[in-house]
């Protein structure tokens, strides 16, 4: 893969980015934050949302690397892993 192919691949929107982009561009987005955070988290504690490892990693993985999804504002948060 050369630099141009890599650049094109990284610019493609993944499923959550497409969904997020669509949510931001709809007139009715009252539950936008809730919908986005549900993709990464199962709970909120002390006004912090807790990113859940089961939503990001396979059970067999000890470590995972993910590209940060665009269009999502990651407020102050914690991880459960």
PDB file of N, CA and C in Angstrom:
ATOM      1  N   UNK A   1       0.855  -1.174   0.000  1.00  0.00           N
ATOM      2  CA  UNK A   1       0.000   0.000   0.000  1.00  0.00           C
ATOM      3  C   UNK A   1       0.901   1.238   0.000  1.00  0.00           C
ATOM      4  N   UNK A   2       0.645   2.141  -0.928  1.00  0.00           N
ATOM      5  CA  UNK A   2       1.436   3.370  -0.951  1.00  0.00           C
ATOM      6  C   UNK A   2       0.721   4.470  -0.159  1.00  0.00           C
ATOM      7  N   UNK A   3       1.325   5.621  -0.062  1.00  0.00           N
ATOM      8  CA  UNK A   3       0.818   6.716   0.767  1.00  0.00           C
ATOM      9  C   UNK A   3      -0.540   7.227   0.276  1.00  0.00           C
ATOM     10  N   UNK A   4      -0.755   7.217  -1.013  1.00  0.00           N
ATOM     11  CA  UNK A   4      -2.029   7.684  -1.571  1.00  0.00           C
ATOM     12  C   UNK A   4      -3.148   6.712  -1.213  1.00  0.00           C
ATOM     13  N   UNK A   5      -2.889   5.425  -1.341  1.00  0.00           N
ATOM     14  CA  UNK A   5      -3.891   4.418  -0.969  1.00  0.00           C
ATOM     15  C   UNK A   5      -4.199   4.486   0.530  1.00  0.00           C
ATOM     16  N   UNK A   6      -3.170   4.657   1.332  1.00  0.00           N
ATOM     17  CA  UNK A   6      -3.370   4.771   2.775  1.00  0.00           C
ATOM     18  C   UNK A   6      -4.214   6.000   3.103  1.00  0.00           C
ATOM     19  N   UNK A   7      -3.910   7.104   2.477  1.00  0.00           N
ATOM     20  CA  UNK A   7      -4.664   8.337   2.691  1.00  0.00           C
ATOM     21  C   UNK A   7      -6.134   8.147   2.319  1.00  0.00           C
ATOM     22  N   UNK A   8      -6.402   7.527   1.183  1.00  0.00           N
ATOM     23  CA  UNK A   8      -7.786   7.274   0.757  1.00  0.00           C
ATOM     24  C   UNK A   8      -8.507   6.357   1.737  1.00  0.00           C
ATOM     25  N   UNK A   9      -7.817   5.329   2.213  1.00  0.00           N
ATOM     26  CA  UNK A   9      -8.416   4.398   3.155  1.00  0.00           C
ATOM     27  C   UNK A   9      -8.773   5.092   4.473  1.00  0.00           C
ATOM     28  N   UNK A  10      -7.872   5.930   4.970  1.00  0.00           N
ATOM     29  CA  UNK A  10      -8.112   6.621   6.236  1.00  0.00           C
ATOM     30  C   UNK A  10      -9.203   7.685   6.137  1.00  0.00           C
ATOM     31  N   UNK A  11      -9.426   8.195   4.951  1.00  0.00           N
ATOM     32  CA  UNK A  11     -10.466   9.214   4.766  1.00  0.00           C
ATOM     33  C   UNK A  11     -11.869   8.618   4.622  1.00  0.00           C
ATOM     34  N   UNK A  12     -11.954   7.329   4.378  1.00  0.00           N
ATOM     35  CA  UNK A  12     -13.266   6.690   4.253  1.00  0.00           C
ATOM     36  C   UNK A  12     -13.954   6.691   5.612  1.00  0.00           C
ATOM     37  N   UNK A  13     -15.253   6.972   5.604  1.00  0.00           N
ATOM     38  CA  UNK A  13     -16.017   6.952   6.847  1.00  0.00           C
ATOM     39  C   UNK A  13     -16.373   5.514   7.209  1.00  0.00           C
ATOM     40  N   UNK A  14     -16.174   5.163   8.483  1.00  0.00           N
ATOM     41  CA  UNK A  14     -16.616   3.848   8.935  1.00  0.00           C
ATOM     42  C   UNK A  14     -18.097   3.941   9.323  1.00  0.00           C
ATOM     43  N   UNK A  15     -18.687   2.845   9.749  1.00  0.00           N
ATOM     44  CA  UNK A  15     -20.130   2.824  10.025  1.00  0.00           C
ATOM     45  C   UNK A  15     -20.543   3.811  11.106  1.00  0.00           C
ATOM     46  N   UNK A  16     -19.808   3.866  12.202  1.00  0.00           N
ATOM     47  CA  UNK A  16     -20.172   4.792  13.283  1.00  0.00           C
ATOM     48  C   UNK A  16     -19.989   6.235  12.839  1.00  0.00           C
ATOM     49  N   UNK A  17     -18.987   6.518  12.012  1.00  0.00           N
ATOM     50  CA  UNK A  17     -18.797   7.879  11.507  1.00  0.00           C
ATOM     51  C   UNK A  17     -19.939   8.279  10.581  1.00  0.00           C
ATOM     52  N   UNK A  18     -20.387   7.362   9.750  1.00  0.00           N
ATOM     53  CA  UNK A  18     -21.532   7.648   8.878  1.00  0.00           C
ATOM     54  C   UNK A  18     -22.772   7.943   9.706  1.00  0.00           C
ATOM     55  N   UNK A  19     -23.005   7.116  10.720  1.00  0.00           N
ATOM     56  CA  UNK A  19     -24.166   7.307  11.585  1.00  0.00           C
ATOM     57  C   UNK A  19     -24.066   8.641  12.325  1.00  0.00           C
ATOM     58  N   UNK A  20     -22.901   8.937  12.850  1.00  0.00           N
ATOM     59  CA  UNK A  20     -22.684  10.179  13.580  1.00  0.00           C
ATOM     60  C   UNK A  20     -22.878  11.378  12.662  1.00  0.00           C
ATOM     61  N   UNK A  21     -22.311  11.303  11.493  1.00  0.00           N
ATOM     62  CA  UNK A  21     -22.449  12.387  10.525  1.00  0.00           C
ATOM     63  C   UNK A  21     -23.916  12.627  10.209  1.00  0.00           C
ATOM     64  N   UNK A  22     -24.660  11.552   9.998  1.00  0.00           N
ATOM     65  CA  UNK A  22     -26.094  11.673   9.710  1.00  0.00           C
ATOM     66  C   UNK A  22     -26.858  12.256  10.891  1.00  0.00           C
ATOM     67  N   UNK A  23     -26.514  11.834  12.105  1.00  0.00           N
ATOM     68  CA  UNK A  23     -27.184  12.364  13.290  1.00  0.00           C
ATOM     69  C   UNK A  23     -26.928  13.861  13.441  1.00  0.00           C
ATOM     70  N   UNK A  24     -25.717  14.302  13.213  1.00  0.00           N
ATOM     71  CA  UNK A  24     -25.393  15.718  13.328  1.00  0.00           C
ATOM     72  C   UNK A  24     -26.105  16.556  12.277  1.00  0.00           C
ATOM     73  N   UNK A  25     -26.395  15.949  11.156  1.00  0.00           N
ATOM     74  CA  UNK A  25     -27.005  16.704  10.062  1.00  0.00           C
ATOM     75  C   UNK A  25     -28.520  16.579   9.990  1.00  0.00           C
ATOM     76  N   UNK A  26     -29.133  15.936  10.974  1.00  0.00           N
ATOM     77  CA  UNK A  26     -30.593  15.884  11.013  1.00  0.00           C
ATOM     78  C   UNK A  26     -31.100  17.045  11.847  1.00  0.00           C
ATOM     79  N   UNK A  27     -32.306  17.439  11.576  1.00  0.00           N
ATOM     80  CA  UNK A  27     -32.906  18.548  12.326  1.00  0.00           C
ATOM     81  C   UNK A  27     -33.224  18.123  13.761  1.00  0.00           C
ATOM     82  N   UNK A  28     -33.584  16.861  13.932  1.00  0.00           N
ATOM     83  CA  UNK A  28     -33.963  16.363  15.253  1.00  0.00           C
ATOM     84  C   UNK A  28     -32.800  15.545  15.794  1.00  0.00           C
ATOM     85  N   UNK A  29     -32.059  16.123  16.724  1.00  0.00           N
ATOM     86  CA  UNK A  29     -30.928  15.406  17.290  1.00  0.00           C
ATOM     87  C   UNK A  29     -30.891  15.556  18.813  1.00  0.00           C
ATOM     88  N   UNK A  30     -32.041  15.526  19.444  1.00  0.00           N
ATOM     89  CA  UNK A  30     -32.125  15.741  20.886  1.00  0.00           C
ATOM     90  C   UNK A  30     -31.393  14.662  21.676  1.00  0.00           C
ATOM     91  N   UNK A  31     -31.353  13.436  21.183  1.00  0.00           N
ATOM     92  CA  UNK A  31     -30.696  12.347  21.890  1.00  0.00           C
ATOM     93  C   UNK A  31     -29.341  12.010  21.277  1.00  0.00           C
ATOM     94  N   UNK A  32     -28.754  12.951  20.600  1.00  0.00           N
ATOM     95  CA  UNK A  32     -27.509  12.700  19.883  1.00  0.00           C
ATOM     96  C   UNK A  32     -26.415  12.185  20.804  1.00  0.00           C
ATOM     97  N   UNK A  33     -26.135  12.893  21.893  1.00  0.00           N
ATOM     98  CA  UNK A  33     -25.073  12.462  22.804  1.00  0.00           C
ATOM     99  C   UNK A  33     -25.334  11.067  23.346  1.00  0.00           C
ATOM    100  N   UNK A  34     -26.559  10.790  23.713  1.00  0.00           N
ATOM    101  CA  UNK A  34     -26.911   9.470  24.256  1.00  0.00           C
ATOM    102  C   UNK A  34     -26.656   8.391  23.214  1.00  0.00           C
ATOM    103  N   UNK A  35     -27.107   8.608  21.999  1.00  0.00           N
ATOM    104  CA  UNK A  35     -26.922   7.614  20.937  1.00  0.00           C
ATOM    105  C   UNK A  35     -25.446   7.350  20.654  1.00  0.00           C
ATOM    106  N   UNK A  36     -24.657   8.408  20.627  1.00  0.00           N
ATOM    107  CA  UNK A  36     -23.237   8.253  20.337  1.00  0.00           C
ATOM    108  C   UNK A  36     -22.521   7.536  21.472  1.00  0.00           C
ATOM    109  N   UNK A  37     -22.823   7.916  22.684  1.00  0.00           N
ATOM    110  CA  UNK A  37     -22.152   7.309  23.831  1.00  0.00           C
ATOM    111  C   UNK A  37     -22.547   5.851  24.017  1.00  0.00           C
ATOM    112  N   UNK A  38     -23.759   5.477  23.617  1.00  0.00           N
ATOM    113  CA  UNK A  38     -24.185   4.078  23.717  1.00  0.00           C
ATOM    114  C   UNK A  38     -23.327   3.171  22.842  1.00  0.00           C
ATOM    115  N   UNK A  39     -22.731   3.733  21.829  1.00  0.00           N
ATOM    116  CA  UNK A  39     -21.853   2.940  20.959  1.00  0.00           C
ATOM    117  C   UNK A  39     -20.600   2.489  21.712  1.00  0.00           C
ATOM    118  N   UNK A  40     -20.152   3.281  22.680  1.00  0.00           N
ATOM    119  CA  UNK A  40     -18.909   3.018  23.400  1.00  0.00           C
ATOM    120  C   UNK A  40     -19.107   2.630  24.862  1.00  0.00           C
ATOM    121  N   UNK A  41     -20.278   2.919  25.409  1.00  0.00           N
ATOM    122  CA  UNK A  41     -20.432   2.821  26.850  1.00  0.00           C
ATOM    123  C   UNK A  41     -21.760   2.194  27.246  1.00  0.00           C
ATOM    124  N   UNK A  42     -21.758   1.515  28.393  1.00  0.00           N
ATOM    125  CA  UNK A  42     -22.988   0.959  28.948  1.00  0.00           C
ATOM    126  C   UNK A  42     -23.498   1.748  30.142  1.00  0.00           C
ATOM    127  N   UNK A  43     -22.645   2.614  30.701  1.00  0.00           N
ATOM    128  CA  UNK A  43     -23.055   3.294  31.918  1.00  0.00           C
ATOM    129  C   UNK A  43     -22.370   4.638  32.090  1.00  0.00           C
ATOM    130  N   UNK A  44     -22.977   5.427  32.964  1.00  0.00           N
ATOM    131  CA  UNK A  44     -22.421   6.715  33.346  1.00  0.00           C
ATOM    132  C   UNK A  44     -22.313   6.707  34.860  1.00  0.00           C
ATOM    133  N   UNK A  45     -21.205   7.195  35.384  1.00  0.00           N
ATOM    134  CA  UNK A  45     -20.992   7.224  36.826  1.00  0.00           C
ATOM    135  C   UNK A  45     -20.413   8.587  37.196  1.00  0.00           C
ATOM    136  N   UNK A  46     -21.027   9.238  38.171  1.00  0.00           N
ATOM    137  CA  UNK A  46     -20.581  10.567  38.614  1.00  0.00           C
ATOM    138  C   UNK A  46     -20.438  11.533  37.436  1.00  0.00           C
ATOM    139  N   UNK A  47     -21.425  11.532  36.562  1.00  0.00           N
ATOM    140  CA  UNK A  47     -21.454  12.396  35.378  1.00  0.00           C
ATOM    141  C   UNK A  47     -20.337  12.127  34.371  1.00  0.00           C
ATOM    142  N   UNK A  48     -19.624  11.012  34.515  1.00  0.00           N
ATOM    143  CA  UNK A  48     -18.627  10.603  33.535  1.00  0.00           C
ATOM    144  C   UNK A  48     -19.140   9.368  32.818  1.00  0.00           C
ATOM    145  N   UNK A  49     -18.996   9.327  31.535  1.00  0.00           N
ATOM    146  CA  UNK A  49     -19.366   8.102  30.845  1.00  0.00           C
ATOM    147  C   UNK A  49     -18.162   7.187  30.827  1.00  0.00           C
ATOM    148  N   UNK A  50     -18.445   5.911  30.973  1.00  0.00           N
ATOM    149  CA  UNK A  50     -17.387   4.909  31.117  1.00  0.00           C
ATOM    150  C   UNK A  50     -17.320   4.087  29.836  1.00  0.00           C
ATOM    151  N   UNK A  51     -16.192   4.178  29.160  1.00  0.00           N
ATOM    152  CA  UNK A  51     -16.007   3.444  27.909  1.00  0.00           C
ATOM    153  C   UNK A  51     -15.804   1.973  28.251  1.00  0.00           C
ATOM    154  N   UNK A  52     -16.595   1.137  27.610  1.00  0.00           N
ATOM    155  CA  UNK A  52     -16.634  -0.288  27.911  1.00  0.00           C
ATOM    156  C   UNK A  52     -15.729  -1.058  26.961  1.00  0.00           C
ATOM    157  N   UNK A  53     -14.832  -1.868  27.528  1.00  0.00           N
ATOM    158  CA  UNK A  53     -13.896  -2.605  26.678  1.00  0.00           C
ATOM    159  C   UNK A  53     -14.596  -3.632  25.798  1.00  0.00           C
ATOM    160  N   UNK A  54     -15.717  -4.185  26.227  1.00  0.00           N
ATOM    161  CA  UNK A  54     -16.426  -5.185  25.415  1.00  0.00           C
ATOM    162  C   UNK A  54     -17.004  -4.581  24.143  1.00  0.00           C
ATOM    163  N   UNK A  55     -17.177  -3.267  24.126  1.00  0.00           N
ATOM    164  CA  UNK A  55     -17.685  -2.608  22.930  1.00  0.00           C
ATOM    165  C   UNK A  55     -16.562  -2.271  21.945  1.00  0.00           C
ATOM    166  N   UNK A  56     -15.309  -2.340  22.427  1.00  0.00           N
ATOM    167  CA  UNK A  56     -14.192  -1.972  21.562  1.00  0.00           C
ATOM    168  C   UNK A  56     -13.240  -3.121  21.239  1.00  0.00           C
ATOM    169  N   UNK A  57     -13.236  -4.144  22.097  1.00  0.00           N
ATOM    170  CA  UNK A  57     -12.248  -5.205  21.931  1.00  0.00           C
ATOM    171  C   UNK A  57     -12.913  -6.578  21.897  1.00  0.00           C
ATOM    172  N   UNK A  58     -12.292  -7.500  21.168  1.00  0.00           N
ATOM    173  CA  UNK A  58     -12.714  -8.893  21.203  1.00  0.00           C
ATOM    174  C   UNK A  58     -12.218  -9.521  22.496  1.00  0.00           C
ATOM    175  N   UNK A  59     -12.902 -10.532  22.972  1.00  0.00           N
ATOM    176  CA  UNK A  59     -12.510 -11.178  24.220  1.00  0.00           C
ATOM    177  C   UNK A  59     -11.088 -11.726  24.174  1.00  0.00           C
ATOM    178  N   UNK A  60     -10.651 -12.147  23.010  1.00  0.00           N
ATOM    179  CA  UNK A  60      -9.315 -12.737  22.870  1.00  0.00           C
ATOM    180  C   UNK A  60      -8.200 -11.690  22.831  1.00  0.00           C
ATOM    181  N   UNK A  61      -8.550 -10.415  22.747  1.00  0.00           N
ATOM    182  CA  UNK A  61      -7.536  -9.364  22.630  1.00  0.00           C
ATOM    183  C   UNK A  61      -7.087  -8.854  23.995  1.00  0.00           C
ATOM    184  N   UNK A  62      -5.782  -8.669  24.130  1.00  0.00           N
ATOM    185  CA  UNK A  62      -5.228  -8.028  25.319  1.00  0.00           C
ATOM    186  C   UNK A  62      -5.028  -6.535  25.074  1.00  0.00           C
ATOM    187  N   UNK A  63      -4.862  -6.191  23.821  1.00  0.00           N
ATOM    188  CA  UNK A  63      -4.659  -4.800  23.430  1.00  0.00           C
ATOM    189  C   UNK A  63      -5.294  -4.616  22.055  1.00  0.00           C
ATOM    190  N   UNK A  64      -5.812  -3.420  21.811  1.00  0.00           N
ATOM    191  CA  UNK A  64      -6.404  -3.119  20.508  1.00  0.00           C
ATOM    192  C   UNK A  64      -6.086  -1.671  20.156  1.00  0.00           C
ATOM    193  N   UNK A  65      -5.917  -1.414  18.893  1.00  0.00           N
ATOM    194  CA  UNK A  65      -5.661  -0.064  18.409  1.00  0.00           C
ATOM    195  C   UNK A  65      -6.798   0.302  17.471  1.00  0.00           C
ATOM    196  N   UNK A  66      -7.387   1.448  17.735  1.00  0.00           N
ATOM    197  CA  UNK A  66      -8.517   1.915  16.928  1.00  0.00           C
ATOM    198  C   UNK A  66      -8.256   3.338  16.467  1.00  0.00           C
ATOM    199  N   UNK A  67      -8.660   3.596  15.264  1.00  0.00           N
ATOM    200  CA  UNK A  67      -8.636   4.963  14.762  1.00  0.00           C
ATOM    201  C   UNK A  67      -9.749   5.724  15.486  1.00  0.00           C
ATOM    202  N   UNK A  68      -9.474   6.922  15.944  1.00  0.00           N
ATOM    203  CA  UNK A  68     -10.491   7.729  16.619  1.00  0.00           C
ATOM    204  C   UNK A  68     -11.586   8.068  15.615  1.00  0.00           C
ATOM    205  N   UNK A  69     -12.813   7.755  15.971  1.00  0.00           N
ATOM    206  CA  UNK A  69     -13.928   8.062  15.082  1.00  0.00           C
ATOM    207  C   UNK A  69     -14.120   9.571  14.992  1.00  0.00           C
ATOM    208  N   UNK A  70     -14.277  10.055  13.783  1.00  0.00           N
ATOM    209  CA  UNK A  70     -14.503  11.477  13.578  1.00  0.00           C
ATOM    210  C   UNK A  70     -15.918  11.852  14.004  1.00  0.00           C
ATOM    211  N   UNK A  71     -16.127  13.117  14.255  1.00  0.00           N
ATOM    212  CA  UNK A  71     -17.426  13.719  14.565  1.00  0.00           C
ATOM    213  C   UNK A  71     -17.908  13.431  15.985  1.00  0.00           C
ATOM    214  N   UNK A  72     -17.133  12.719  16.781  1.00  0.00           N
ATOM    215  CA  UNK A  72     -17.560  12.390  18.134  1.00  0.00           C
ATOM    216  C   UNK A  72     -16.737  13.212  19.116  1.00  0.00           C
ATOM    217  N   UNK A  73     -17.445  13.918  19.976  1.00  0.00           N
ATOM    218  CA  UNK A  73     -16.787  14.703  21.006  1.00  0.00           C
ATOM    219  C   UNK A  73     -16.630  13.820  22.239  1.00  0.00           C
ATOM    220  N   UNK A  74     -15.398  13.513  22.577  1.00  0.00           N
ATOM    221  CA  UNK A  74     -15.130  12.692  23.751  1.00  0.00           C
ATOM    222  C   UNK A  74     -14.952  13.610  24.957  1.00  0.00           C
ATOM    223  N   UNK A  75     -16.054  13.811  25.675  1.00  0.00           N
ATOM    224  CA  UNK A  75     -15.988  14.588  26.911  1.00  0.00           C
ATOM    225  C   UNK A  75     -15.161  13.817  27.924  1.00  0.00           C
ATOM    226  N   UNK A  76     -15.012  14.402  29.072  1.00  0.00           N
ATOM    227  CA  UNK A  76     -14.311  13.746  30.150  1.00  0.00           C
ATOM    228  C   UNK A  76     -14.936  12.364  30.381  1.00  0.00           C
ATOM    229  N   UNK A  77     -14.106  11.324  30.445  1.00  0.00           N
ATOM    230  CA  UNK A  77     -14.613   9.967  30.536  1.00  0.00           C
ATOM    231  C   UNK A  77     -13.599   9.071  31.256  1.00  0.00           C
ATOM    232  N   UNK A  78     -14.030   7.865  31.549  1.00  0.00           N
ATOM    233  CA  UNK A  78     -13.162   6.842  32.136  1.00  0.00           C
ATOM    234  C   UNK A  78     -13.268   5.591  31.281  1.00  0.00           C
ATOM    235  N   UNK A  79     -12.402   4.637  31.584  1.00  0.00           N
ATOM    236  CA  UNK A  79     -12.429   3.339  30.915  1.00  0.00           C
ATOM    237  C   UNK A  79     -12.645   2.265  31.981  1.00  0.00           C
ATOM    238  N   UNK A  80     -13.275   1.169  31.622  1.00  0.00           N
ATOM    239  CA  UNK A  80     -13.453   0.067  32.577  1.00  0.00           C
ATOM    240  C   UNK A  80     -12.382  -1.004  32.401  1.00  0.00           C
ATOM    241  N   UNK A  81     -11.306  -0.642  31.766  1.00  0.00           N
ATOM    242  CA  UNK A  81     -10.199  -1.565  31.545  1.00  0.00           C
ATOM    243  C   UNK A  81      -8.886  -0.874  31.734  1.00  0.00           C
TER     244      UNK A  81
END
